[in-house]
Amino acid sequence: MARIPDSAGAALDLIKAVPAVRSIVLFGSRAVGDEDERSDIDLAISAPDLDAPGVARLRDAVSTTRTLFKISVTRIEDMPTALRSQVMAQGRTIYERS
C-alpha cells in the first residue's frame, strides 16, 4: 500500500501549489510497500509546461521543508522512456489536478 509519512505533507502541499503540476506519482519502495522506516520518498511529477529552472526551484523548495525523510522530485517528462514506463506501471498516483 502506498504510504507517505504525515511529515511530508508540507512538501506535497508545495508541489500541489504549482499550477503547472498536473499530477504526482509516488514510486519506488513506498509505492510497492517495500519501504522501511528510513526509506526516501520518490515522487514523479507531470508538469510538461514547467521549465528546468522551475523544476530546480521546486526541488529547492521541497528540500527546505521540515521532514525526517529525503524527498526526491523528478519530472516525468525528463525520465528515460524505460524508467517512465516502470514508474507509470508500478507507481501510485497520489494527486491529479482537476
Protein backbone atom coordinates (compact mmCIF):
# COMPACT_ATOMS: atom_id res chain seq x y z
CA MET A 1 0.00 0.00 0.00
CA ALA A 2 1.36 3.42 -0.93
CA ARG A 3 2.18 5.33 2.22
CA ILE A 4 3.60 8.79 2.64
CA PRO A 5 4.51 9.90 6.16
CA ASP A 6 2.45 12.77 7.55
CA SER A 7 5.64 14.81 7.99
CA ALA A 8 5.92 15.02 4.19
CA GLY A 9 2.60 16.85 3.91
CA ALA A 10 4.18 20.31 3.66
CA ALA A 11 6.34 19.19 0.74
CA LEU A 12 3.32 17.73 -1.04
CA ASP A 13 1.40 20.95 -0.48
CA LEU A 14 4.26 22.93 -2.06
CA ILE A 15 4.20 20.71 -5.14
CA LYS A 16 0.40 20.83 -5.45
CA ALA A 17 0.51 24.64 -5.27
CA VAL A 18 2.48 24.86 -8.53
CA PRO A 19 -0.14 25.41 -11.27
CA ALA A 20 1.98 23.61 -13.89
CA VAL A 21 1.95 20.35 -11.90
CA ARG A 22 -0.75 18.11 -13.35
CA SER A 23 -0.15 15.02 -11.23
CA ILE A 24 2.12 13.45 -8.63
CA VAL A 25 3.09 9.78 -8.73
CA LEU A 26 4.69 8.01 -5.78
CA PHE A 27 7.18 5.42 -6.97
CA GLY A 28 9.95 3.25 -5.58
CA SER A 29 9.81 1.22 -2.38
CA ARG A 30 6.99 3.26 -0.81
CA ALA A 31 4.74 2.68 -3.82
CA VAL A 32 5.17 -1.09 -3.78
CA GLY A 33 5.02 -1.47 0.01
CA ASP A 34 8.66 -2.47 0.41
CA GLU A 35 9.78 0.57 2.42
CA ASP A 36 11.43 0.62 5.82
CA GLU A 37 11.48 3.42 8.38
CA ARG A 38 14.38 5.16 6.59
CA SER A 39 13.15 4.86 3.00
CA ASP A 40 13.16 8.04 0.99
CA ILE A 41 10.10 9.36 -0.81
CA ASP A 42 10.33 9.21 -4.60
CA LEU A 43 7.89 11.49 -6.41
CA ALA A 44 7.42 11.89 -10.14
CA ILE A 45 5.54 14.98 -11.25
CA SER A 46 3.82 15.50 -14.56
CA ALA A 47 4.50 19.12 -15.47
CA PRO A 48 5.09 19.46 -19.22
CA ASP A 49 4.90 23.26 -19.06
CA LEU A 50 7.37 23.65 -16.18
CA ASP A 51 10.81 24.66 -17.44
CA ALA A 52 14.13 23.45 -16.00
CA PRO A 53 14.60 26.49 -13.72
CA GLY A 54 11.06 25.98 -12.41
CA VAL A 55 11.78 22.34 -11.64
CA ALA A 56 15.00 23.37 -9.87
CA ARG A 57 13.14 25.95 -7.77
CA LEU A 58 10.53 23.36 -6.84
CA ARG A 59 13.19 20.85 -5.80
CA ASP A 60 14.93 23.52 -3.71
CA ALA A 61 11.66 24.44 -2.00
CA VAL A 62 10.87 20.79 -1.26
CA SER A 63 14.36 20.24 0.14
CA THR A 64 13.83 23.02 2.69
CA THR A 65 10.62 21.57 4.14
CA ARG A 66 10.90 20.07 7.58
CA THR A 67 10.60 16.32 7.27
CA LEU A 68 12.50 13.31 8.54
CA PHE A 69 12.71 11.85 5.04
CA LYS A 70 14.62 12.67 1.89
CA ILE A 71 12.16 13.59 -0.84
CA SER A 72 13.21 13.16 -4.44
CA VAL A 73 11.23 15.03 -7.11
CA THR A 74 11.63 14.06 -10.77
CA ARG A 75 9.69 15.43 -13.71
CA ILE A 76 8.12 12.52 -15.61
CA GLU A 77 8.75 14.22 -18.94
CA ASP A 78 12.51 14.21 -18.24
CA MET A 79 12.75 10.49 -17.43
CA PRO A 80 14.22 7.99 -19.86
CA THR A 81 11.44 6.04 -21.58
CA ALA A 82 12.13 2.76 -19.75
CA LEU A 83 12.08 4.42 -16.32
CA ARG A 84 8.95 6.41 -17.20
CA SER A 85 7.19 3.20 -18.23
CA GLN A 86 8.22 1.49 -14.98
CA VAL A 87 7.09 4.44 -12.86
CA MET A 88 3.72 4.59 -14.59
CA ALA A 89 3.23 0.82 -14.27
CA GLN A 90 4.33 0.40 -10.64
CA GLY A 91 3.79 3.87 -9.20
CA ARG A 92 0.73 5.15 -7.40
CA THR A 93 -0.90 8.40 -8.47
CA ILE A 94 -1.42 10.39 -5.28
CA TYR A 95 -2.58 13.67 -6.82
CA GLU A 96 -4.26 14.79 -10.05
CA ARG A 97 -5.21 18.38 -10.79
CA SER A 98 -8.87 18.58 -11.68
